[in-house]
C-alpha atoms as a PDB file:
ATOM      1  CA  UNK A   1     105.827  65.366 102.535  1.00  0.00           C
ATOM      2  CA  UNK A   2     107.561  67.963 104.407  1.00  0.00           C
ATOM      3  CA  UNK A   3     106.992  71.517 103.532  1.00  0.00           C
ATOM      4  CA  UNK A   4     109.544  73.754 103.698  1.00  0.00           C
ATOM      5  CA  UNK A   5     108.277  76.803 106.424  1.00  0.00           C
ATOM      6  CA  UNK A   6     109.547  80.115 105.995  1.00  0.00           C
ATOM      7  CA  UNK A   7     107.380  82.232 107.400  1.00  0.00           C
ATOM      8  CA  UNK A   8     106.179  82.823 110.951  1.00  0.00           C
ATOM      9  CA  UNK A   9     103.131  84.244 111.526  1.00  0.00           C
ATOM     10  CA  UNK A  10     101.686  85.707 114.890  1.00  0.00           C
ATOM     11  CA  UNK A  11      97.555  85.076 115.103  1.00  0.00           C
ATOM     12  CA  UNK A  12      95.605  86.784 118.080  1.00  0.00           C
ATOM     13  CA  UNK A  13      93.129  84.311 119.366  1.00  0.00           C
ATOM     14  CA  UNK A  14      90.092  85.103 121.793  1.00  0.00           C
ATOM     15  CA  UNK A  15      93.164  84.230 124.681  1.00  0.00           C
ATOM     16  CA  UNK A  16      96.408  84.611 123.333  1.00  0.00           C
ATOM     17  CA  UNK A  17      98.906  84.996 120.279  1.00  0.00           C
ATOM     18  CA  UNK A  18      99.358  81.640 118.842  1.00  0.00           C
ATOM     19  CA  UNK A  19     102.161  81.632 116.478  1.00  0.00           C
ATOM     20  CA  UNK A  20     101.905  79.929 112.938  1.00  0.00           C
ATOM     21  CA  UNK A  21     105.513  78.337 110.989  1.00  0.00           C
ATOM     22  CA  UNK A  22     103.860  77.608 107.199  1.00  0.00           C
ATOM     23  CA  UNK A  23     105.024  78.129 103.127  1.00  0.00           C
ATOM     24  CA  UNK A  24     104.020  81.397 101.485  1.00  0.00           C
ATOM     25  CA  UNK A  25     103.019  79.182  99.251  1.00  0.00           C
ATOM     26  CA  UNK A  26     100.176  78.178 101.512  1.00  0.00           C
ATOM     27  CA  UNK A  27      99.301  82.043 102.406  1.00  0.00           C
ATOM     28  CA  UNK A  28      98.625  83.135  98.789  1.00  0.00           C
ATOM     29  CA  UNK A  29      96.646  79.939  97.825  1.00  0.00           C
ATOM     30  CA  UNK A  30      94.563  80.928 100.686  1.00  0.00           C
ATOM     31  CA  UNK A  31      94.754  84.904  99.504  1.00  0.00           C
ATOM     32  CA  UNK A  32      95.265  85.888 103.252  1.00  0.00           C
ATOM     33  CA  UNK A  33      97.876  88.085 101.889  1.00  0.00           C
ATOM     34  CA  UNK A  34      96.349  91.758 102.016  1.00  0.00           C
ATOM     35  CA  UNK A  35      98.306  93.619 104.065  1.00  0.00           C
ATOM     36  CA  UNK A  36      97.249  97.485 102.765  1.00  0.00           C
ATOM     37  CA  UNK A  37      97.815  99.514 105.810  1.00  0.00           C
ATOM     38  CA  UNK A  38     100.094  97.489 107.412  1.00  0.00           C
ATOM     39  CA  UNK A  39     103.964  98.617 108.456  1.00  0.00           C
ATOM     40  CA  UNK A  40     106.484  96.759 105.971  1.00  0.00           C
ATOM     41  CA  UNK A  41     109.798  96.321 106.057  1.00  0.00           C
ATOM     42  CA  UNK A  42     109.923  95.809 102.219  1.00  0.00           C
ATOM     43  CA  UNK A  43     112.876  98.473 101.045  1.00  0.00           C
ATOM     44  CA  UNK A  44     114.904  98.093 104.238  1.00  0.00           C
ATOM     45  CA  UNK A  45     115.150  93.972 103.865  1.00  0.00           C
ATOM     46  CA  UNK A  46     115.042  94.377 100.166  1.00  0.00           C
ATOM     47  CA  UNK A  47     114.985  96.121  96.865  1.00  0.00           C
ATOM     48  CA  UNK A  48     113.986  95.612  93.111  1.00  0.00           C
ATOM     49  CA  UNK A  49     115.743  96.996  90.468  1.00  0.00           C
ATOM     50  CA  UNK A  50     113.478  97.792  87.334  1.00  0.00           C
ATOM     51  CA  UNK A  51     115.476  97.217  83.335  1.00  0.00           C
ATOM     52  CA  UNK A  52     114.971 100.900  83.273  1.00  0.00           C
ATOM     53  CA  UNK A  53     116.741 101.253  86.441  1.00  0.00           C
ATOM     54  CA  UNK A  54     114.264 102.468  88.472  1.00  0.00           C
ATOM     55  CA  UNK A  55     114.649 101.457  92.313  1.00  0.00           C
ATOM     56  CA  UNK A  56     111.301 100.119  94.090  1.00  0.00           C
ATOM     57  CA  UNK A  57     111.072  98.911  97.780  1.00  0.00           C
ATOM     58  CA  UNK A  58     109.844  95.149  96.330  1.00  0.00           C
ATOM     59  CA  UNK A  59     108.399  93.836  93.300  1.00  0.00           C
ATOM     60  CA  UNK A  60     104.853  95.341  94.693  1.00  0.00           C
ATOM     61  CA  UNK A  61     106.508  99.102  93.245  1.00  0.00           C
ATOM     62  CA  UNK A  62     104.645 100.238  96.021  1.00  0.00           C
ATOM     63  CA  UNK A  63     107.544 103.079  96.757  1.00  0.00           C
ATOM     64  CA  UNK A  64     110.045 104.266  93.912  1.00  0.00           C
ATOM     65  CA  UNK A  65     113.893 105.110  95.787  1.00  0.00           C
ATOM     66  CA  UNK A  66     114.961 106.487  93.015  1.00  0.00           C
ATOM     67  CA  UNK A  67     116.689 105.191  89.067  1.00  0.00           C
ATOM     68  CA  UNK A  68     120.491 103.534  89.153  1.00  0.00           C
ATOM     69  CA  UNK A  69     121.032 105.430  85.620  1.00  0.00           C
ATOM     70  CA  UNK A  70     119.613 108.753  86.508  1.00  0.00           C
ATOM     71  CA  UNK A  71     120.212 109.846  90.100  1.00  0.00           C
ATOM     72  CA  UNK A  72     123.432 110.495  92.072  1.00  0.00           C
ATOM     73  CA  UNK A  73     122.334 109.270  95.283  1.00  0.00           C
ATOM     74  CA  UNK A  74     119.676 106.718  96.098  1.00  0.00           C
ATOM     75  CA  UNK A  75     118.625 107.062  99.436  1.00  0.00           C
ATOM     76  CA  UNK A  76     117.041 103.418 100.958  1.00  0.00           C
ATOM     77  CA  UNK A  77     114.661 103.617 103.304  1.00  0.00           C
ATOM     78  CA  UNK A  78     115.373 103.263 106.864  1.00  0.00           C
ATOM     79  CA  UNK A  79     111.785 102.627 108.566  1.00  0.00           C
ATOM     80  CA  UNK A  80     109.249 100.591 107.633  1.00  0.00           C
ATOM     81  CA  UNK A  81     106.448 102.235 105.004  1.00  0.00           C
ATOM     82  CA  UNK A  82     102.487 102.087 105.245  1.00  0.00           C
ATOM     83  CA  UNK A  83     101.761  99.452 102.609  1.00  0.00           C
ATOM     84  CA  UNK A  84      99.516 101.083 100.007  1.00  0.00           C
ATOM     85  CA  UNK A  85      98.717  97.636  97.842  1.00  0.00           C
ATOM     86  CA  UNK A  86      96.009  95.735  98.157  1.00  0.00           C
ATOM     87  CA  UNK A  87      98.126  92.161  97.413  1.00  0.00           C
ATOM     88  CA  UNK A  88     101.259  91.040  98.472  1.00  0.00           C
ATOM     89  CA  UNK A  89     101.967  89.211  95.604  1.00  0.00           C
ATOM     90  CA  UNK A  90     105.399  87.643  95.734  1.00  0.00           C
ATOM     91  CA  UNK A  91     106.619  85.162  97.146  1.00  0.00           C
ATOM     92  CA  UNK A  92     109.899  86.158  97.777  1.00  0.00           C
ATOM     93  CA  UNK A  93     108.492  89.195  99.341  1.00  0.00           C
ATOM     94  CA  UNK A  94     105.227  88.380 101.201  1.00  0.00           C
ATOM     95  CA  UNK A  95     108.316  86.998 104.008  1.00  0.00           C
ATOM     96  CA  UNK A  96     109.293  89.826 104.906  1.00  0.00           C
ATOM     97  CA  UNK A  97     108.563  91.427 108.305  1.00  0.00           C
ATOM     98  CA  UNK A  98     104.937  93.270 108.246  1.00  0.00           C
ATOM     99  CA  UNK A  99     102.933  94.379 111.044  1.00  0.00           C
ATOM    100  CA  UNK A 100      99.033  95.512 111.500  1.00  0.00           C
ATOM    101  CA  UNK A 101      99.862  97.405 114.570  1.00  0.00           C
ATOM    102  CA  UNK A 102     102.357  98.508 116.610  1.00  0.00           C
ATOM    103  CA  UNK A 103     101.629  96.341 119.457  1.00  0.00           C
ATOM    104  CA  UNK A 104     103.239  93.623 117.526  1.00  0.00           C
ATOM    105  CA  UNK A 105     106.300  94.790 116.911  1.00  0.00           C
ATOM    106  CA  UNK A 106     107.509  92.673 119.958  1.00  0.00           C
ATOM    107  CA  UNK A 107     106.856  90.011 117.497  1.00  0.00           C
ATOM    108  CA  UNK A 108     108.847  91.041 114.895  1.00  0.00           C
ATOM    109  CA  UNK A 109     112.180  89.501 114.938  1.00  0.00           C
ATOM    110  CA  UNK A 110     115.827  91.611 114.764  1.00  0.00           C
ATOM    111  CA  UNK A 111     118.453  91.509 111.988  1.00  0.00           C
END
């Protein structure tokens, strides 16, 4: 059975950096979805709008960006923010770009 691979992770090993392609569900099952303190591109590459019109960076609701019913102008995030959540729990948002530190920026794909 072939599993759809929708995430590329770069794992630092003793001698180099290894590229691993896998599925977001595998990351969730291993509980490797802890990114608190990492730079995250949510709010740049995606947004979530709640039923009351609140706009957030993603389903984690880490950063509120405004409200479509109350705010005249919404300013989207333009730079990655530091994640404040312990867990990234949405498979759709788990595959967003994230880096632990600036030294890994060279591995981030440009859109």
